[in-house]
């Protein structure tokens, strides 16, 4: 299966621009690419269902994982195990781009937003 970037319509999720390459497909995992503009953030959340893997394609992102703060740069990877609390934000002047993989695939109903 080949999925072309131009075939994916990006959508806004609380200020983040996401291209969900596997939306609507019956796959064991899901894959997306997101742009995190300067000052944008993802509030604290955790998943009842999926492990999440974030890979930084460009820029940097400030991540909090179970209370531990870290900055991720281009080429860095962060794995968020199911049930672990996380949040992130882009405090920098440039947009950051990240790949995100959910295993099993993403299900919004299984996501818990703390705020």
Protein backbone atom coordinates (compact mmCIF):
# COMPACT_ATOMS: atom_id res chain seq x y z
CA UNK A 1 0.00 0.00 0.00
CA UNK A 2 1.32 3.44 -0.94
CA UNK A 3 -0.14 6.58 0.60
CA UNK A 4 0.90 9.84 -1.03
CA UNK A 5 1.31 12.98 1.07
CA UNK A 6 -0.87 15.00 -1.32
CA UNK A 7 -3.72 12.52 -0.80
CA UNK A 8 -3.87 13.33 2.93
CA UNK A 9 -5.88 16.36 3.97
CA UNK A 10 -4.29 18.01 7.02
CA UNK A 11 -6.53 18.96 9.93
CA UNK A 12 -6.19 21.20 12.97
CA UNK A 13 -6.15 19.64 16.43
CA UNK A 14 -5.99 22.39 19.07
CA UNK A 15 -3.43 24.39 17.07
CA UNK A 16 -1.43 21.41 15.80
CA UNK A 17 -1.58 20.57 12.09
CA UNK A 18 -1.82 16.81 11.60
CA UNK A 19 -1.71 14.56 8.55
CA UNK A 20 -3.10 11.17 9.58
CA UNK A 21 -1.82 8.78 6.92
CA UNK A 22 -3.76 5.78 8.21
CA UNK A 23 -7.12 7.35 9.10
CA UNK A 24 -9.97 5.06 8.15
CA UNK A 25 -7.70 2.10 7.44
CA UNK A 26 -7.89 -1.11 9.43
CA UNK A 27 -4.25 -1.26 10.49
CA UNK A 28 -2.54 -2.52 13.62
CA UNK A 29 -0.79 0.83 14.07
CA UNK A 30 -1.37 4.39 12.96
CA UNK A 31 1.04 6.93 11.52
CA UNK A 32 0.87 10.68 11.30
CA UNK A 33 3.02 13.74 10.77
CA UNK A 34 2.31 16.89 12.71
CA UNK A 35 3.48 20.45 12.71
CA UNK A 36 3.70 22.19 16.09
CA UNK A 37 3.84 25.96 15.53
CA UNK A 38 5.69 28.27 17.92
CA UNK A 39 3.76 28.63 21.22
CA UNK A 40 1.48 25.66 20.40
CA UNK A 41 1.10 22.86 22.91
CA UNK A 42 -0.58 19.54 23.65
CA UNK A 43 -2.12 19.54 27.12
CA UNK A 44 -1.43 16.77 29.60
CA UNK A 45 -2.97 13.48 28.47
CA UNK A 46 -2.57 9.72 28.55
CA UNK A 47 -3.87 6.82 26.51
CA UNK A 48 -5.91 3.85 27.72
CA UNK A 49 -5.07 2.01 24.48
CA UNK A 50 -1.85 2.91 22.69
CA UNK A 51 1.87 3.26 23.10
CA UNK A 52 2.98 6.40 21.24
CA UNK A 53 6.28 7.02 19.52
CA UNK A 54 7.28 10.57 18.62
CA UNK A 55 10.20 11.24 16.25
CA UNK A 56 11.39 14.81 15.70
CA UNK A 57 11.82 15.53 11.98
CA UNK A 58 12.64 19.24 12.33
CA UNK A 59 12.97 21.84 15.07
CA UNK A 60 12.76 21.11 18.76
CA UNK A 61 9.98 20.36 21.21
CA UNK A 62 9.75 20.53 25.00
CA UNK A 63 8.29 17.26 26.30
CA UNK A 64 7.06 16.31 29.75
CA UNK A 65 6.78 12.59 30.37
CA UNK A 66 5.46 11.47 33.77
CA UNK A 67 6.73 14.68 35.35
CA UNK A 68 10.18 14.64 33.73
CA UNK A 69 10.92 17.59 31.44
CA UNK A 70 13.23 17.27 28.44
CA UNK A 71 13.92 19.00 25.15
CA UNK A 72 13.88 16.86 22.01
CA UNK A 73 15.79 17.93 18.91
CA UNK A 74 15.79 16.82 15.28
CA UNK A 75 16.52 13.07 15.17
CA UNK A 76 15.41 12.42 18.78
CA UNK A 77 12.76 9.82 19.66
CA UNK A 78 10.36 9.69 22.61
CA UNK A 79 8.31 6.61 23.48
CA UNK A 80 5.23 7.18 25.64
CA UNK A 81 3.96 3.91 27.05
CA UNK A 82 0.23 3.38 27.41
CA UNK A 83 -0.96 4.92 30.67
CA UNK A 84 1.96 7.35 31.00
CA UNK A 85 1.11 11.04 31.30
CA UNK A 86 2.68 13.36 28.74
CA UNK A 87 2.44 16.85 27.32
CA UNK A 88 4.54 18.92 24.97
CA UNK A 89 4.96 22.45 23.71
CA UNK A 90 7.00 24.42 21.25
CA UNK A 91 8.59 27.35 23.09
CA UNK A 92 10.90 28.15 20.15
CA UNK A 93 10.59 30.66 17.32
CA UNK A 94 10.21 28.02 14.56
CA UNK A 95 7.67 25.29 13.87
CA UNK A 96 8.61 21.73 14.85
CA UNK A 97 7.64 18.67 12.77
CA UNK A 98 7.12 15.27 14.35
CA UNK A 99 6.14 11.79 13.21
CA UNK A 100 3.82 9.97 15.56
CA UNK A 101 3.06 6.25 15.62
CA UNK A 102 0.34 4.67 17.79
CA UNK A 103 0.37 0.93 18.56
CA UNK A 104 -2.36 -0.25 18.43
CA UNK A 105 -3.86 2.34 16.12
CA UNK A 106 -5.16 5.70 17.36
CA UNK A 107 -8.62 5.89 18.89
CA UNK A 108 -9.67 9.32 20.18
CA UNK A 109 -12.14 7.72 22.61
CA UNK A 110 -9.21 5.98 24.36
CA UNK A 111 -7.34 9.26 24.96
CA UNK A 112 -7.72 10.96 28.35
CA UNK A 113 -7.07 14.71 28.53
CA UNK A 114 -6.25 15.85 32.06
CA UNK A 115 -6.98 19.57 31.59
